[in-house]
Amino acid sequence: MDLKKVAEIRALHAKEFPDSEQYYEFLLYQIQSHIVEINDLKENKDPHLKSEIVDLAILSQLLTMQQDTPKDIFQKRYGRFKEKIKSK
């Protein structure tokens, strides 16, 4: 993922959503909407599925930026994902 481009989107959103809570709500709504759409596209074997998955990844990254998520949390979470995979 190109984090510079995601940061550019975030900068545009900052102008549109000066209120942090309003931006948070916007991102959550978009994430929820994309999850529903992804499920529908998967069920219908629609090739647009991959585009919506990328949108979801970008929205998720925007949410982590909006929350000022420290990099060390990502490192910890990567480890947890590996543990969960091994335990299956």
Protein backbone atom coordinates (compact mmCIF):
# COMPACT_ATOMS: atom_id res chain seq x y z
CA MET A 1 0.00 0.00 0.00
CA ASP A 2 1.31 3.43 -0.92
CA LEU A 3 1.13 5.27 2.41
CA LYS A 4 2.02 8.59 0.76
CA LYS A 5 -1.11 8.39 -1.35
CA VAL A 6 -3.19 7.38 1.67
CA ALA A 7 -1.78 10.40 3.52
CA GLU A 8 -2.84 12.60 0.59
CA ILE A 9 -6.38 11.26 0.91
CA ARG A 10 -6.26 11.92 4.64
CA ALA A 11 -5.20 15.52 4.00
CA LEU A 12 -8.17 16.00 1.68
CA HIS A 13 -10.47 14.47 4.27
CA ALA A 14 -9.08 16.79 6.95
CA LYS A 15 -10.44 19.74 4.98
CA GLU A 16 -13.82 18.04 4.57
CA PHE A 17 -14.02 16.78 8.16
CA PRO A 18 -12.40 19.28 10.53
CA ASP A 19 -14.15 17.54 13.44
CA SER A 20 -12.24 14.40 14.43
CA GLU A 21 -15.30 12.58 15.76
CA GLN A 22 -17.23 13.28 12.58
CA TYR A 23 -14.36 11.89 10.52
CA TYR A 24 -14.19 8.80 12.73
CA GLU A 25 -17.92 8.18 12.21
CA PHE A 26 -17.53 8.69 8.45
CA LEU A 27 -14.72 6.14 8.26
CA LEU A 28 -16.61 3.57 10.33
CA TYR A 29 -19.69 3.97 8.18
CA GLN A 30 -17.64 3.56 5.01
CA ILE A 31 -15.91 0.46 6.40
CA GLN A 32 -19.23 -1.11 7.37
CA SER A 33 -20.73 -0.31 3.97
CA HIS A 34 -17.76 -1.79 2.16
CA ILE A 35 -17.94 -5.01 4.17
CA VAL A 36 -21.56 -5.49 3.15
CA GLU A 37 -20.72 -4.72 -0.47
CA ILE A 38 -17.73 -7.10 -0.43
CA ASN A 39 -19.94 -9.92 0.82
CA ASP A 40 -22.48 -9.25 -1.92
CA LEU A 41 -19.83 -9.08 -4.62
CA LYS A 42 -18.22 -12.31 -3.41
CA GLU A 43 -21.58 -14.08 -3.43
CA ASN A 44 -22.26 -12.90 -6.99
CA LYS A 45 -18.69 -13.65 -8.17
CA ASP A 46 -18.41 -10.05 -9.33
CA PRO A 47 -14.91 -9.06 -10.56
CA HIS A 48 -15.33 -5.66 -8.86
CA LEU A 49 -14.73 -7.49 -5.56
CA LYS A 50 -10.99 -6.84 -5.59
CA SER A 51 -11.48 -3.09 -6.03
CA GLU A 52 -13.76 -2.97 -3.00
CA ILE A 53 -11.29 -5.00 -0.95
CA VAL A 54 -8.61 -2.42 -1.78
CA ASP A 55 -11.03 0.36 -0.76
CA LEU A 56 -11.52 -1.41 2.57
CA ALA A 57 -7.77 -1.64 3.11
CA ILE A 58 -7.37 2.08 2.39
CA LEU A 59 -10.26 2.97 4.71
CA SER A 60 -8.74 0.83 7.45
CA GLN A 61 -5.38 2.56 7.02
CA LEU A 62 -7.11 5.94 7.16
CA LEU A 63 -8.75 4.90 10.42
CA THR A 64 -5.40 3.91 11.94
CA MET A 65 -3.99 7.29 10.87
CA GLN A 66 -7.02 9.11 12.28
CA GLN A 67 -6.44 7.34 15.60
CA ASP A 68 -2.68 8.11 15.55
CA THR A 69 -1.94 4.41 15.95
CA PRO A 70 1.73 3.88 16.92
CA LYS A 71 3.85 1.59 14.75
CA ASP A 72 4.63 -0.70 17.68
CA ILE A 73 0.98 -1.72 17.85
CA PHE A 74 1.25 -2.96 14.26
CA GLN A 75 4.29 -5.04 15.21
CA LYS A 76 2.41 -6.62 18.13
CA ARG A 77 -0.63 -7.34 15.97
CA TYR A 78 1.49 -8.97 13.25
CA GLY A 79 2.76 -11.36 15.92
CA ARG A 80 -0.78 -12.14 17.08
CA PHE A 81 -1.89 -12.92 13.53
CA LYS A 82 1.01 -15.35 13.17
CA GLU A 83 0.08 -17.01 16.47
CA LYS A 84 -3.57 -17.37 15.43
CA ILE A 85 -2.56 -18.99 12.14
CA LYS A 86 -0.27 -21.45 13.88
CA SER A 87 -2.97 -22.40 16.40
CA LYS A 88 -5.47 -23.44 13.68
